[in-house]
PDB file of N, CA and C in Angstrom:
ATOM      1  N   SER A   1      -3.486  22.199  -3.671  1.00  0.00           N
ATOM      2  CA  SER A   1      -3.759  22.315  -5.006  1.00  0.00           C
ATOM      3  C   SER A   1      -4.161  20.863  -5.249  1.00  0.00           C
ATOM      4  N   PHE A   2      -5.131  20.657  -5.911  1.00  0.00           N
ATOM      5  CA  PHE A   2      -5.805  19.649  -6.292  1.00  0.00           C
ATOM      6  C   PHE A   2      -4.912  17.665  -6.884  1.00  0.00           C
ATOM      7  N   VAL A   3      -4.320  18.612  -7.881  1.00  0.00           N
ATOM      8  CA  VAL A   3      -3.299  17.618  -8.195  1.00  0.00           C
ATOM      9  C   VAL A   3      -2.181  17.111  -6.496  1.00  0.00           C
ATOM     10  N   HIS A   4      -1.855  18.427  -5.936  1.00  0.00           N
ATOM     11  CA  HIS A   4      -1.309  17.585  -4.735  1.00  0.00           C
ATOM     12  C   HIS A   4      -2.056  16.541  -4.330  1.00  0.00           C
ATOM     13  N   MET A   5      -3.174  17.248  -4.430  1.00  0.00           N
ATOM     14  CA  MET A   5      -3.879  15.812  -2.704  1.00  0.00           C
ATOM     15  C   MET A   5      -3.795  14.804  -3.687  1.00  0.00           C
ATOM     16  N   GLU A   6      -4.579  14.280  -5.063  1.00  0.00           N
ATOM     17  CA  GLU A   6      -5.074  13.192  -5.418  1.00  0.00           C
ATOM     18  C   GLU A   6      -3.435  12.443  -5.603  1.00  0.00           C
ATOM     19  N   HIS A   7      -2.322  13.321  -5.375  1.00  0.00           N
ATOM     20  CA  HIS A   7      -1.287  12.229  -5.553  1.00  0.00           C
ATOM     21  C   HIS A   7      -0.356  11.587  -4.433  1.00  0.00           C
ATOM     22  N   GLU A   8      -1.221  12.628  -3.106  1.00  0.00           N
ATOM     23  CA  GLU A   8      -1.137  12.025  -1.789  1.00  0.00           C
ATOM     24  C   GLU A   8      -2.237  10.844  -1.594  1.00  0.00           C
ATOM     25  N   LYS A   9      -3.405  10.624  -2.678  1.00  0.00           N
ATOM     26  CA  LYS A   9      -4.119   9.767  -1.939  1.00  0.00           C
ATOM     27  C   LYS A   9      -3.748   8.626  -2.632  1.00  0.00           C
ATOM     28  N   ALA A  10      -2.853   8.483  -4.371  1.00  0.00           N
ATOM     29  CA  ALA A  10      -1.866   7.640  -4.787  1.00  0.00           C
ATOM     30  C   ALA A  10      -0.622   6.870  -3.953  1.00  0.00           C
ATOM     31  N   VAL A  11      -0.218   8.083  -3.426  1.00  0.00           N
ATOM     32  CA  VAL A  11       1.119   7.286  -2.591  1.00  0.00           C
ATOM     33  C   VAL A  11       0.489   6.519  -1.473  1.00  0.00           C
ATOM     34  N   LEU A  12      -0.900   6.860  -0.834  1.00  0.00           N
ATOM     35  CA  LEU A  12      -1.287   6.006   0.558  1.00  0.00           C
ATOM     36  C   LEU A  12      -1.529   4.833   0.064  1.00  0.00           C
ATOM     37  N   LEU A  13      -2.417   4.782  -0.978  1.00  0.00           N
ATOM     38  CA  LEU A  13      -3.129   3.638  -1.591  1.00  0.00           C
ATOM     39  C   LEU A  13      -1.553   2.931  -1.938  1.00  0.00           C
ATOM     40  N   LEU A  14      -0.396   3.289  -2.617  1.00  0.00           N
ATOM     41  CA  LEU A  14       0.461   2.624  -2.926  1.00  0.00           C
ATOM     42  C   LEU A  14       1.190   2.024  -2.310  1.00  0.00           C
ATOM     43  N   LYS A  15       1.230   2.494  -0.494  1.00  0.00           N
ATOM     44  CA  LYS A  15       1.882   1.978   0.608  1.00  0.00           C
ATOM     45  C   LYS A  15       1.100   1.032   1.265  1.00  0.00           C
ATOM     46  N   SER A  16      -0.351   1.575   1.260  1.00  0.00           N
ATOM     47  CA  SER A  16      -1.520   0.339   1.691  1.00  0.00           C
ATOM     48  C   SER A  16      -1.356  -1.371   0.861  1.00  0.00           C
ATOM     49  N   PHE A  17      -1.261  -0.839  -0.428  1.00  0.00           N
ATOM     50  CA  PHE A  17      -0.930  -1.708  -1.041  1.00  0.00           C
ATOM     51  C   PHE A  17       0.370  -2.729  -0.405  1.00  0.00           C
ATOM     52  N   GLN A  18       1.589  -2.392  -0.340  1.00  0.00           N
ATOM     53  CA  GLN A  18       2.474  -2.879  -0.267  1.00  0.00           C
ATOM     54  C   GLN A  18       2.339  -3.669   1.386  1.00  0.00           C
ATOM     55  N   ASN A  19       1.644  -2.975   2.123  1.00  0.00           N
ATOM     56  CA  ASN A  19       1.796  -3.065   3.191  1.00  0.00           C
ATOM     57  C   ASN A  19       0.921  -4.693   3.118  1.00  0.00           C
ATOM     58  N   THR A  20      -0.500  -4.947   2.257  1.00  0.00           N
ATOM     59  CA  THR A  20      -1.087  -5.963   2.521  1.00  0.00           C
ATOM     60  C   THR A  20       0.035  -6.872   1.600  1.00  0.00           C
ATOM     61  N   VAL A  21       0.842  -6.797   0.740  1.00  0.00           N
ATOM     62  CA  VAL A  21       1.540  -7.602   0.295  1.00  0.00           C
ATOM     63  C   VAL A  21       2.538  -8.291   0.549  1.00  0.00           C
ATOM     64  N   ASP A  22       3.230  -7.422   1.296  1.00  0.00           N
ATOM     65  CA  ASP A  22       3.764  -8.054   2.800  1.00  0.00           C
ATOM     66  C   ASP A  22       3.284  -9.064   3.931  1.00  0.00           C
ATOM     67  N   LEU A  23       2.190  -8.739   4.023  1.00  0.00           N
ATOM     68  CA  LEU A  23       1.141  -9.336   5.104  1.00  0.00           C
ATOM     69  C   LEU A  23       1.332 -11.142   4.433  1.00  0.00           C
ATOM     70  N   VAL A  24       0.399 -10.857   3.347  1.00  0.00           N
ATOM     71  CA  VAL A  24       0.443 -12.401   2.123  1.00  0.00           C
ATOM     72  C   VAL A  24       1.734 -12.712   2.382  1.00  0.00           C
ATOM     73  N   ILE A  25       2.895 -12.078   1.872  1.00  0.00           N
ATOM     74  CA  ILE A  25       3.740 -12.936   1.579  1.00  0.00           C
ATOM     75  C   ILE A  25       3.965 -13.433   3.524  1.00  0.00           C
ATOM     76  N   GLN A  26       4.142 -12.707   4.445  1.00  0.00           N
ATOM     77  CA  GLN A  26       4.397 -13.392   5.681  1.00  0.00           C
ATOM     78  C   GLN A  26       3.854 -14.435   5.900  1.00  0.00           C
ATOM     79  N   ARG A  27       2.691 -14.397   5.356  1.00  0.00           N
ATOM     80  CA  ARG A  27       1.572 -15.563   6.049  1.00  0.00           C
ATOM     81  C   ARG A  27       2.242 -16.681   5.147  1.00  0.00           C
ATOM     82  N   LYS A  28       2.470 -16.108   3.687  1.00  0.00           N
ATOM     83  CA  LYS A  28       2.407 -17.834   3.128  1.00  0.00           C
ATOM     84  C   LYS A  28       3.908 -18.680   3.776  1.00  0.00           C
ATOM     85  N   HIS A  29       4.931 -17.689   3.942  1.00  0.00           N
ATOM     86  CA  HIS A  29       5.931 -18.061   4.649  1.00  0.00           C
ATOM     87  C   HIS A  29       5.805 -18.642   6.365  1.00  0.00           C
ATOM     88  N   LEU A  30       4.743 -18.210   6.995  1.00  0.00           N
ATOM     89  CA  LEU A  30       4.663 -19.192   8.348  1.00  0.00           C
ATOM     90  C   LEU A  30       3.488 -20.108   7.844  1.00  0.00           C
ATOM     91  N   LEU A  31       3.026 -20.430   6.861  1.00  0.00           N
ATOM     92  CA  LEU A  31       2.156 -21.716   6.511  1.00  0.00           C
ATOM     93  C   LEU A  31       3.581 -22.740   5.726  1.00  0.00           C
TER      94      LEU A  31
END
């Protein structure tokens, strides 16, 4: 259904956002 597709998109966005935050945090620790 349409709602299910939107939900999966939101989950993917959330995961990619978390990955980006993790990368930024790792970089700050390295510097």
